[in-house]
């Protein structure tokens, strides 16, 4: 009997992108006028001979190109890559939400997917009804679902709202119930996208623990996340996608390090809009990030006895009241040293955000970081629930440990201490 859970053979996915000029704000009269003009042009074009070489209004876009790999039963595979690399497209193909344009996919067993908030849920049905609906979609009998029902409800912590239509659930409640259903109804293959980032920290830990338990039971997991710490802790193997192609497939530590270092900028500054497309959505555009010394010069090399200034420039088309701007500081292995937001302090000390151009800056104090390399990953969201920018290793810098050159290091014994941080913390005698 084969030990292969799924096989992807030369798979590609093509989309047709229609380019159409649209105004940002359009009145009803403009819509009616544009429709009339469009109809008139079509009638006019019917009477014309086709012009050779006329420019098409549609463009082919290959979200995935010639992807091939195999996954054995019980393997835990992390799928990583920058935004737009094709990760979500691949999971949709594996979940049979859409069909590949080229190649073929073999699946050996039932697949349960959690690709976005509320995947597979009917908004008008209650939580209870959706549990049975999802089980039926997975091909499970009513008795089998009933056997797992209490365990699902306990894990999701939504017992009070079980008979409420899920359209009234918060995004966190949606995620908890959707993950509980997907993980407990015993699919042979569990596919999980970045959706877990919506939940709170305790629930994320709970989910990682459950996925470990699922994998030990012999089931297969495919996990997409920008949290390299989670990928490292859960997965034994990783697949790196870049621009729709399979860039690397191997041990998780090697692939994660390649991903973080390859994506980082060693010039200490990234200017989106000049060299790269700006990050964000229709209302938020990240324009620049840079690492600065106290004198203002851009750098990627810092001593442990000097502060590090991290600067972000962005444009706001509108000013949402719940916008949160920040970043993760990580090690090259993906360990999050800390996450920092612009509104961490008391409200009176928040830097003011305005429509148009904004520049915010944060300083890492001297004497905090140990020697080593670090990455800066922008994290911009709405009320810490909906990600606007969630990119990894935008900037990378190095810290060199200094001994005896600063009063902050007079107590250092001359050797590198273990740990990601190495702060000097005074002690006192207590009688």
Protein backbone atom coordinates (compact mmCIF):
# COMPACT_ATOMS: atom_id res chain seq x y z
CA UNK A 1 0.00 0.00 0.00
CA UNK A 2 1.35 3.43 -0.97
CA UNK A 3 2.46 5.83 1.76
CA UNK A 4 1.83 8.90 -0.43
CA UNK A 5 -0.86 11.28 0.88
CA UNK A 6 -0.79 13.64 -2.10
CA UNK A 7 1.17 14.11 -5.30
CA UNK A 8 1.44 17.36 -7.28
CA UNK A 9 2.73 16.84 -10.83
CA UNK A 10 3.67 19.80 -13.09
CA UNK A 11 0.76 21.89 -11.80
CA UNK A 12 0.12 25.39 -13.08
CA UNK A 13 -2.73 27.85 -12.58
CA UNK A 14 -3.52 30.62 -15.05
CA UNK A 15 -5.88 33.56 -14.56
CA UNK A 16 -7.06 36.16 -17.04
CA UNK A 17 -6.78 39.71 -15.71
CA UNK A 18 -9.11 42.27 -17.25
CA UNK A 19 -7.67 45.79 -17.24
CA UNK A 20 -10.36 48.43 -16.87
CA UNK A 21 -9.93 52.10 -15.97
CA UNK A 22 -12.24 53.03 -13.11
CA UNK A 23 -12.84 56.18 -11.17
CA UNK A 24 -12.63 55.97 -7.39
CA UNK A 25 -16.03 57.57 -6.79
CA UNK A 26 -18.75 57.13 -9.41
CA UNK A 27 -22.27 58.49 -9.26
CA UNK A 28 -25.26 56.53 -10.56
CA UNK A 29 -25.60 58.86 -13.54
CA UNK A 30 -21.96 58.16 -14.47
CA UNK A 31 -22.54 54.40 -14.29
CA UNK A 32 -25.58 54.68 -16.59
CA UNK A 33 -23.69 56.94 -18.99
CA UNK A 34 -20.69 54.57 -19.10
CA UNK A 35 -22.97 51.58 -19.75
CA UNK A 36 -24.61 53.43 -22.61
CA UNK A 37 -21.22 54.35 -24.09
CA UNK A 38 -20.04 50.75 -23.74
CA UNK A 39 -23.14 49.47 -25.56
CA UNK A 40 -22.63 52.05 -28.29
CA UNK A 41 -19.00 51.01 -28.76
CA UNK A 42 -20.01 47.35 -29.07
CA UNK A 43 -22.60 48.13 -31.74
CA UNK A 44 -20.06 50.31 -33.55
CA UNK A 45 -17.37 47.60 -33.33
CA UNK A 46 -19.73 45.01 -34.87
CA UNK A 47 -19.76 47.02 -38.06
CA UNK A 48 -15.99 47.33 -38.23
CA UNK A 49 -13.46 44.90 -39.62
CA UNK A 50 -11.09 43.48 -36.96
CA UNK A 51 -7.74 45.26 -36.89
CA UNK A 52 -4.72 42.96 -36.88
CA UNK A 53 -2.57 43.43 -33.80
CA UNK A 54 -5.27 45.24 -31.83
CA UNK A 55 -4.36 45.41 -28.14
CA UNK A 56 -6.20 42.92 -25.92
CA UNK A 57 -7.85 44.14 -22.72
CA UNK A 58 -7.05 40.88 -20.95
CA UNK A 59 -3.69 39.67 -19.64
CA UNK A 60 -2.61 36.16 -18.74
CA UNK A 61 -1.25 35.74 -15.24
CA UNK A 62 0.30 32.49 -14.03
CA UNK A 63 -0.19 32.28 -10.26
CA UNK A 64 1.61 28.89 -10.27
CA UNK A 65 4.01 27.43 -12.83
CA UNK A 66 5.18 23.82 -13.11
CA UNK A 67 4.91 22.87 -9.41
CA UNK A 68 5.81 19.26 -8.52
CA UNK A 69 6.25 17.56 -5.13
CA UNK A 70 5.04 14.61 -3.05
CA UNK A 71 3.85 14.48 0.55
CA UNK A 72 3.90 11.27 2.56
CA UNK A 73 1.22 10.28 5.04
CA UNK A 74 1.81 11.84 8.44
CA UNK A 75 4.17 14.54 7.16
CA UNK A 76 3.86 18.13 8.40
CA UNK A 77 4.71 20.48 5.55
CA UNK A 78 5.13 24.24 5.90
CA UNK A 79 4.44 26.27 2.76
CA UNK A 80 6.14 29.66 2.88
CA UNK A 81 6.85 32.57 0.56
CA UNK A 82 6.30 36.27 0.18
CA UNK A 83 2.88 37.78 -0.54
CA UNK A 84 1.82 36.88 -4.09
CA UNK A 85 4.11 33.83 -4.28
CA UNK A 86 1.15 31.49 -4.95
CA UNK A 87 0.69 29.86 -1.52
CA UNK A 88 -3.07 30.40 -1.22
CA UNK A 89 -3.60 29.41 -4.87
CA UNK A 90 -1.81 26.12 -4.23
CA UNK A 91 -3.97 25.39 -1.19
CA UNK A 92 -7.14 26.15 -3.15
CA UNK A 93 -6.05 23.63 -5.79
CA UNK A 94 -5.30 21.01 -3.14
CA UNK A 95 -8.69 21.68 -1.52
CA UNK A 96 -10.40 21.28 -4.91
CA UNK A 97 -11.90 24.77 -4.71
CA UNK A 98 -10.53 25.42 -8.18
CA UNK A 99 -8.98 23.27 -10.91
CA UNK A 100 -5.38 23.49 -12.17
CA UNK A 101 -4.78 24.88 -15.67
CA UNK A 102 -1.98 22.37 -16.27
CA UNK A 103 -0.75 19.21 -14.56
CA UNK A 104 -2.59 16.98 -12.12
CA UNK A 105 -3.05 16.46 -8.38
CA UNK A 106 -3.54 13.09 -6.66
CA UNK A 107 -5.19 13.08 -3.22
CA UNK A 108 -5.35 9.93 -1.11
CA UNK A 109 -7.89 10.60 1.62
CA UNK A 110 -10.39 13.19 2.82
CA UNK A 111 -9.24 16.82 2.83
CA UNK A 112 -10.39 19.40 5.40
CA UNK A 113 -9.45 23.01 4.63
CA UNK A 114 -9.28 26.18 6.66
CA UNK A 115 -8.32 28.82 4.11
CA UNK A 116 -10.10 31.91 5.38
CA UNK A 117 -12.50 32.98 8.11
CA UNK A 118 -15.68 30.92 7.84
CA UNK A 119 -14.51 28.52 5.15
CA UNK A 120 -17.36 26.15 4.33
CA UNK A 121 -19.81 27.79 6.75
CA UNK A 122 -23.29 28.90 5.75
CA UNK A 123 -23.88 32.31 7.40
CA UNK A 124 -27.59 31.71 8.00
CA UNK A 125 -27.06 28.40 9.80
CA UNK A 126 -26.17 28.15 13.49
CA UNK A 127 -22.84 26.91 14.81
CA UNK A 128 -24.44 23.57 15.65
CA UNK A 129 -25.88 23.16 12.14
CA UNK A 130 -22.59 24.14 10.50
CA UNK A 131 -20.72 21.47 12.45
CA UNK A 132 -23.01 18.81 10.99
CA UNK A 133 -22.88 20.42 7.53
CA UNK A 134 -19.06 20.41 7.48
CA UNK A 135 -18.98 16.82 8.67
CA UNK A 136 -21.35 15.78 5.89
CA UNK A 137 -19.18 17.60 3.32
CA UNK A 138 -16.20 15.58 4.57
CA UNK A 139 -18.23 12.41 4.00
CA UNK A 140 -18.85 11.57 7.67
CA UNK A 141 -22.02 10.01 9.02
CA UNK A 142 -24.23 11.69 11.62
CA UNK A 143 -23.23 9.22 14.33
CA UNK A 144 -19.54 9.86 13.66
CA UNK A 145 -20.05 13.66 13.90
CA UNK A 146 -22.13 13.32 17.06
CA UNK A 147 -19.33 11.35 18.69
CA UNK A 148 -16.94 14.30 18.18
CA UNK A 149 -19.48 17.08 18.76
CA UNK A 150 -18.79 17.86 22.44
CA UNK A 151 -15.04 17.83 21.87
CA UNK A 152 -15.41 20.35 19.01
CA UNK A 153 -17.56 22.71 21.08
CA UNK A 154 -15.20 22.53 24.07
CA UNK A 155 -12.18 23.30 21.91
CA UNK A 156 -13.86 26.23 20.11
CA UNK A 157 -15.22 27.73 23.38
CA UNK A 158 -18.46 28.88 21.69
CA UNK A 159 -20.99 26.84 23.69
CA UNK A 160 -23.03 29.95 24.65
CA UNK A 161 -23.44 30.88 20.97
CA UNK A 162 -23.89 27.41 19.51
CA UNK A 163 -27.47 28.05 18.40
CA UNK A 164 -26.79 31.56 17.03
CA UNK A 165 -26.40 32.02 13.23
CA UNK A 166 -22.68 32.21 12.48
CA UNK A 167 -23.18 35.47 10.54
CA UNK A 168 -23.40 37.10 13.99
CA UNK A 169 -20.06 35.62 15.14
CA UNK A 170 -16.95 37.75 15.50
CA UNK A 171 -13.97 36.83 13.28
CA UNK A 172 -12.30 35.20 16.30
CA UNK A 173 -15.35 33.02 17.03
CA UNK A 174 -15.54 32.06 13.35
CA UNK A 175 -11.91 30.95 13.35
CA UNK A 176 -12.19 28.99 16.59
CA UNK A 177 -15.21 27.02 15.41
CA UNK A 178 -13.90 26.54 11.85
CA UNK A 179 -10.55 25.21 13.09
CA UNK A 180 -12.20 22.98 15.70
CA UNK A 181 -14.42 21.40 13.04
CA UNK A 182 -11.54 20.94 10.55
CA UNK A 183 -9.18 19.40 13.13
CA UNK A 184 -11.60 17.14 15.01
CA UNK A 185 -13.54 15.51 12.18
CA UNK A 186 -10.52 13.35 11.37
CA UNK A 187 -9.62 14.17 7.76
CA UNK A 188 -6.62 12.34 6.34
CA UNK A 189 -5.23 15.67 5.06
CA UNK A 190 -5.59 18.97 6.96
CA UNK A 191 -4.90 22.20 5.02
CA UNK A 192 -4.52 25.39 7.09
CA UNK A 193 -3.81 28.88 5.76
CA UNK A 194 -2.66 32.02 7.63
CA UNK A 195 -6.19 32.42 9.03
CA UNK A 196 -4.95 31.35 12.50
CA UNK A 197 -3.24 34.76 12.83
CA UNK A 198 -6.70 36.24 13.50
CA UNK A 199 -7.09 34.38 16.78
CA UNK A 200 -5.59 35.42 20.11
CA UNK A 201 -2.18 34.14 21.27
CA UNK A 202 -3.60 31.47 23.59
CA UNK A 203 -5.83 30.07 20.87
CA UNK A 204 -2.93 30.01 18.38
CA UNK A 205 -0.90 27.94 20.86
CA UNK A 206 -3.92 25.66 21.30
CA UNK A 207 -4.17 25.21 17.52
CA UNK A 208 -0.47 24.42 17.11
CA UNK A 209 -0.80 21.82 19.89
CA UNK A 210 -3.83 20.27 18.20
CA UNK A 211 -2.06 20.09 14.84
CA UNK A 212 0.88 18.36 16.49
CA UNK A 213 -1.57 15.87 18.00
CA UNK A 214 -3.25 15.38 14.60
CA UNK A 215 0.11 14.72 12.92
CA UNK A 216 1.15 12.19 15.58
CA UNK A 217 -2.07 10.33 14.77
CA UNK A 218 -0.71 9.71 11.26
CA UNK A 219 -2.60 12.43 9.42
CA UNK A 220 -1.00 14.87 6.98
CA UNK A 221 -0.81 18.64 7.52
CA UNK A 222 -0.08 21.43 5.05
CA UNK A 223 0.40 24.70 6.92
CA UNK A 224 0.82 28.18 5.42
CA UNK A 225 2.01 30.91 7.77
CA UNK A 226 4.16 34.04 7.95
CA UNK A 227 5.01 33.03 11.51
CA UNK A 228 8.33 31.28 11.02
CA UNK A 229 8.44 30.31 14.69
CA UNK A 230 5.19 28.35 14.22
CA UNK A 231 6.49 26.78 11.00
CA UNK A 232 9.70 25.71 12.74
CA UNK A 233 7.91 24.24 15.75
CA UNK A 234 5.22 22.36 13.82
CA UNK A 235 6.80 21.26 10.54
CA UNK A 236 9.69 18.96 9.70
CA UNK A 237 9.84 20.01 6.05
CA UNK A 238 9.10 23.23 4.18
CA UNK A 239 8.36 24.28 0.61
CA UNK A 240 9.38 27.78 -0.49
CA UNK A 241 7.40 29.40 -3.31
CA UNK A 242 8.64 32.46 -5.20
CA UNK A 243 6.73 34.16 -8.03
CA UNK A 244 4.59 31.09 -8.60
CA UNK A 245 7.51 28.65 -8.80
CA UNK A 246 8.83 26.05 -6.37
CA UNK A 247 12.10 27.64 -5.24
CA UNK A 248 13.22 25.21 -2.50
CA UNK A 249 11.99 22.00 -0.85
CA UNK A 250 13.83 20.56 2.13
CA UNK A 251 14.36 20.51 5.92
CA UNK A 252 12.36 23.27 7.57
CA UNK A 253 15.35 25.04 9.18
CA UNK A 254 17.27 25.34 5.91
CA UNK A 255 14.26 26.55 3.91
CA UNK A 256 13.16 29.12 6.52
CA UNK A 257 16.65 30.59 6.76
CA UNK A 258 16.93 30.79 2.96
CA UNK A 259 13.54 32.52 2.77
CA UNK A 260 14.33 35.12 5.42
CA UNK A 261 17.83 35.95 4.20
CA UNK A 262 16.92 35.96 0.49
CA UNK A 263 14.03 38.34 1.08
CA UNK A 264 15.90 40.83 3.26
CA UNK A 265 17.54 44.04 2.13
CA UNK A 266 21.17 44.57 3.03
CA UNK A 267 21.29 48.26 2.10
CA UNK A 268 19.39 49.35 5.23
CA UNK A 269 16.57 50.98 3.26
CA UNK A 270 13.65 49.89 1.08
CA UNK A 271 11.75 52.41 -1.05
CA UNK A 272 8.49 51.04 -2.39
CA UNK A 273 7.00 52.82 -5.38
CA UNK A 274 10.49 53.62 -6.67
CA UNK A 275 12.00 50.14 -6.94
CA UNK A 276 9.09 47.94 -5.85
CA UNK A 277 5.31 48.10 -5.73
CA UNK A 278 4.16 49.67 -2.44
CA UNK A 279 2.76 47.36 0.22
CA UNK A 280 -0.79 47.80 1.50
CA UNK A 281 -4.35 48.04 0.26
CA UNK A 282 -6.47 50.76 -1.35
CA UNK A 283 -6.27 53.02 1.70
CA UNK A 284 -2.78 52.31 3.12
CA UNK A 285 0.51 52.39 1.17
CA UNK A 286 3.83 51.58 2.84
CA UNK A 287 6.39 53.73 1.03
CA UNK A 288 9.69 53.22 2.86
CA UNK A 289 11.46 51.47 5.74
CA UNK A 290 14.99 52.20 6.89
CA UNK A 291 17.52 51.48 9.64
CA UNK A 292 19.33 54.55 10.97
CA UNK A 293 22.15 55.34 13.34
CA UNK A 294 21.60 58.18 15.80
CA UNK A 295 23.35 60.59 13.43
CA UNK A 296 20.84 59.80 10.69
CA UNK A 297 22.97 57.66 8.36
CA UNK A 298 21.42 54.50 6.90
CA UNK A 299 23.19 51.33 8.05
CA UNK A 300 22.90 47.58 8.59
CA UNK A 301 25.81 47.31 11.03
CA UNK A 302 25.30 48.37 14.66
CA UNK A 303 27.24 48.04 17.88
CA UNK A 304 25.52 46.76 21.00
CA UNK A 305 26.28 50.06 22.75
CA UNK A 306 24.40 52.25 20.25
CA UNK A 307 20.65 52.72 19.66
CA UNK A 308 18.99 51.60 16.41
CA UNK A 309 16.35 53.81 14.80
CA UNK A 310 13.65 52.03 12.74
CA UNK A 311 11.72 54.39 10.48
CA UNK A 312 8.54 53.77 8.46
CA UNK A 313 6.97 56.07 5.85
CA UNK A 314 3.44 55.49 4.56
CA UNK A 315 0.54 57.23 2.86
CA UNK A 316 -3.05 57.13 4.13
CA UNK A 317 -5.84 57.75 1.61
CA UNK A 318 -8.35 57.64 4.47
CA UNK A 319 -7.78 57.55 8.23
CA UNK A 320 -9.38 54.45 9.79
CA UNK A 321 -9.76 54.87 13.57
CA UNK A 322 -8.45 51.37 14.35
CA UNK A 323 -5.28 51.38 12.22
CA UNK A 324 -2.25 49.84 13.99
CA UNK A 325 1.28 50.31 12.60
CA UNK A 326 4.20 48.24 13.83
CA UNK A 327 6.78 45.54 13.14
CA UNK A 328 8.20 42.24 14.38
CA UNK A 329 11.89 41.95 15.25
CA UNK A 330 12.98 38.38 14.49
CA UNK A 331 16.02 36.16 14.33
CA UNK A 332 17.01 34.62 10.94
CA UNK A 333 15.39 31.37 12.15
CA UNK A 334 12.04 33.16 12.48
CA UNK A 335 11.94 33.48 16.28
CA UNK A 336 10.01 36.62 17.21
CA UNK A 337 12.11 38.66 19.65
CA UNK A 338 9.27 41.13 20.15
CA UNK A 339 6.34 42.81 18.37
CA UNK A 340 6.01 46.57 18.63
CA UNK A 341 3.00 48.78 17.69
CA UNK A 342 2.70 52.56 17.50
CA UNK A 343 -0.09 52.56 20.09
CA UNK A 344 1.56 50.34 22.74
CA UNK A 345 1.93 53.25 25.17
CA UNK A 346 -0.81 55.31 26.83
CA UNK A 347 -3.10 57.06 24.35
CA UNK A 348 -1.74 60.51 25.19
CA UNK A 349 1.67 59.40 23.90
CA UNK A 350 0.48 57.90 20.59
CA UNK A 351 2.03 59.59 17.53
CA UNK A 352 -0.68 61.36 15.53
CA UNK A 353 -1.68 59.80 12.19
CA UNK A 354 -3.07 62.01 9.42
CA UNK A 355 -4.44 61.58 5.93
CA UNK A 356 -1.64 61.79 3.39
CA UNK A 357 2.05 61.36 4.21
CA UNK A 358 3.18 59.99 7.59
CA UNK A 359 6.60 59.14 9.00
CA UNK A 360 6.92 57.19 12.26
CA UNK A 361 10.07 56.16 14.07
CA UNK A 362 10.93 53.80 16.91
CA UNK A 363 14.29 53.40 18.66
CA UNK A 364 15.68 50.10 19.95
CA UNK A 365 17.61 51.14 23.08
CA UNK A 366 21.33 50.51 23.37
CA UNK A 367 22.44 47.45 25.29
CA UNK A 368 19.29 45.43 24.56
CA UNK A 369 20.21 43.08 21.70
CA UNK A 370 22.85 40.38 21.82
CA UNK A 371 25.32 39.83 18.99
CA UNK A 372 23.75 38.37 15.85
CA UNK A 373 21.58 39.04 12.84
CA UNK A 374 18.00 40.31 13.04
CA UNK A 375 15.16 40.92 10.57
CA UNK A 376 12.51 43.64 10.62
CA UNK A 377 9.06 42.51 9.44
CA UNK A 378 6.35 45.20 9.00
CA UNK A 379 2.99 44.42 10.63
CA UNK A 380 0.12 46.79 9.76
CA UNK A 381 -3.44 45.81 10.64
CA UNK A 382 -6.91 47.01 11.55
CA UNK A 383 -7.50 46.57 15.30
CA UNK A 384 -5.00 43.65 15.27
CA UNK A 385 -7.61 41.54 13.42
CA UNK A 386 -7.30 42.17 9.66
CA UNK A 387 -3.79 42.27 8.20
CA UNK A 388 -3.00 45.03 5.70
CA UNK A 389 0.77 44.41 5.53
CA UNK A 390 2.27 41.15 6.82
CA UNK A 391 5.69 40.77 5.16
CA UNK A 392 8.81 39.01 6.37
CA UNK A 393 12.47 40.02 6.39
CA UNK A 394 12.04 43.41 4.74
CA UNK A 395 15.28 44.60 6.38
CA UNK A 396 18.16 42.72 7.99
CA UNK A 397 20.86 44.09 10.27
CA UNK A 398 23.75 42.83 12.40
CA UNK A 399 24.68 43.65 15.98
CA UNK A 400 28.29 43.38 17.18
CA UNK A 401 28.82 42.91 20.91
CA UNK A 402 31.13 45.51 22.43
CA UNK A 403 33.15 44.76 25.58
CA UNK A 404 34.64 47.42 27.81
CA UNK A 405 33.77 50.32 25.49
CA UNK A 406 30.65 51.48 27.30
CA UNK A 407 29.53 51.79 30.93
CA UNK A 408 26.61 49.55 29.94
CA UNK A 409 29.03 46.66 29.52
CA UNK A 410 31.31 47.06 32.52
CA UNK A 411 29.78 43.91 34.07
CA UNK A 412 30.21 41.73 30.97
CA UNK A 413 32.68 38.90 31.56
CA UNK A 414 34.24 39.19 28.12
CA UNK A 415 32.40 36.28 26.51
CA UNK A 416 29.23 36.22 24.42
CA UNK A 417 26.27 35.33 26.58
CA UNK A 418 23.52 33.00 25.33
CA UNK A 419 20.17 34.47 24.39
CA UNK A 420 18.67 36.76 21.79
CA UNK A 421 18.85 39.79 24.09
CA UNK A 422 21.60 40.74 26.52
CA UNK A 423 20.38 43.62 28.68
CA UNK A 424 22.28 44.91 31.70
CA UNK A 425 19.84 44.66 34.62
CA UNK A 426 21.07 45.92 38.02
CA UNK A 427 20.80 43.65 41.06
CA UNK A 428 20.35 44.69 44.68
CA UNK A 429 20.70 43.02 48.01
CA UNK A 430 17.46 42.29 49.88
CA UNK A 431 17.70 41.75 53.64
